[in-house]
Amino acid sequence: MSLLSDAVRSTFTTRCAVCDAVISRRDAIDHAGRAFCSVLHEAEYVVATLD
């Protein structure tokens, strides 16, 4: 891929902090600067970091 397409992709997409899935920034659930693809993954991350 070209550098331009990589830059555009990184501007509009992000990766889930739990499963590393590529998701759009608009659809991502943001919590403490991390992106999550679902509420379940957000909850898993929060519970894992409480210990």
Protein backbone atom coordinates (compact mmCIF):
# COMPACT_ATOMS: atom_id res chain seq x y z
CA MET A 1 0.00 0.00 0.00
CA SER A 2 1.05 3.53 -0.53
CA LEU A 3 1.96 5.93 2.23
CA LEU A 4 -1.08 8.04 1.39
CA SER A 5 -3.54 5.16 1.79
CA ASP A 6 -1.84 4.16 5.06
CA ALA A 7 -2.21 7.72 6.34
CA VAL A 8 -5.87 7.88 5.37
CA ARG A 9 -6.55 4.53 6.98
CA SER A 10 -4.88 5.53 10.24
CA THR A 11 -6.85 8.79 10.27
CA PHE A 12 -10.25 7.09 10.01
CA THR A 13 -9.59 3.73 11.68
CA THR A 14 -8.18 2.42 14.93
CA ARG A 15 -7.64 -0.98 16.53
CA CYS A 16 -9.51 -2.57 19.40
CA ALA A 17 -7.30 -2.72 22.52
CA VAL A 18 -8.50 -6.28 23.29
CA CYS A 19 -8.84 -8.18 19.99
CA ASP A 20 -6.82 -5.91 17.66
CA ALA A 21 -9.71 -5.70 15.16
CA VAL A 22 -9.64 -2.72 12.78
CA ILE A 23 -12.65 -0.47 13.45
CA SER A 24 -13.68 2.99 12.35
CA ARG A 25 -12.96 5.77 14.82
CA ARG A 26 -16.61 6.81 14.60
CA ASP A 27 -17.81 3.36 15.74
CA ALA A 28 -15.16 2.81 18.40
CA ILE A 29 -16.03 2.94 22.08
CA ASP A 30 -13.44 5.15 23.73
CA HIS A 31 -12.36 4.63 27.33
CA ALA A 32 -9.31 6.30 28.86
CA GLY A 33 -7.67 6.83 25.48
CA ARG A 34 -8.16 3.25 24.31
CA ALA A 35 -10.55 2.08 21.59
CA PHE A 36 -12.84 -0.93 21.86
CA CYS A 37 -15.02 -2.62 19.25
CA SER A 38 -17.72 -3.62 21.75
CA VAL A 39 -18.95 -2.95 25.26
CA LEU A 40 -17.92 -6.51 26.17
CA HIS A 41 -14.30 -5.83 25.23
CA GLU A 42 -14.39 -2.56 27.17
CA ALA A 43 -15.65 -4.42 30.24
CA GLU A 44 -13.02 -7.16 29.84
CA TYR A 45 -10.29 -4.52 29.71
CA VAL A 46 -11.59 -2.66 32.77
CA VAL A 47 -11.90 -5.86 34.82
CA ALA A 48 -8.42 -7.04 33.76
CA THR A 49 -6.84 -3.73 34.79
CA LEU A 50 -8.52 -3.67 38.22
CA ASP A 51 -6.32 -6.46 39.54
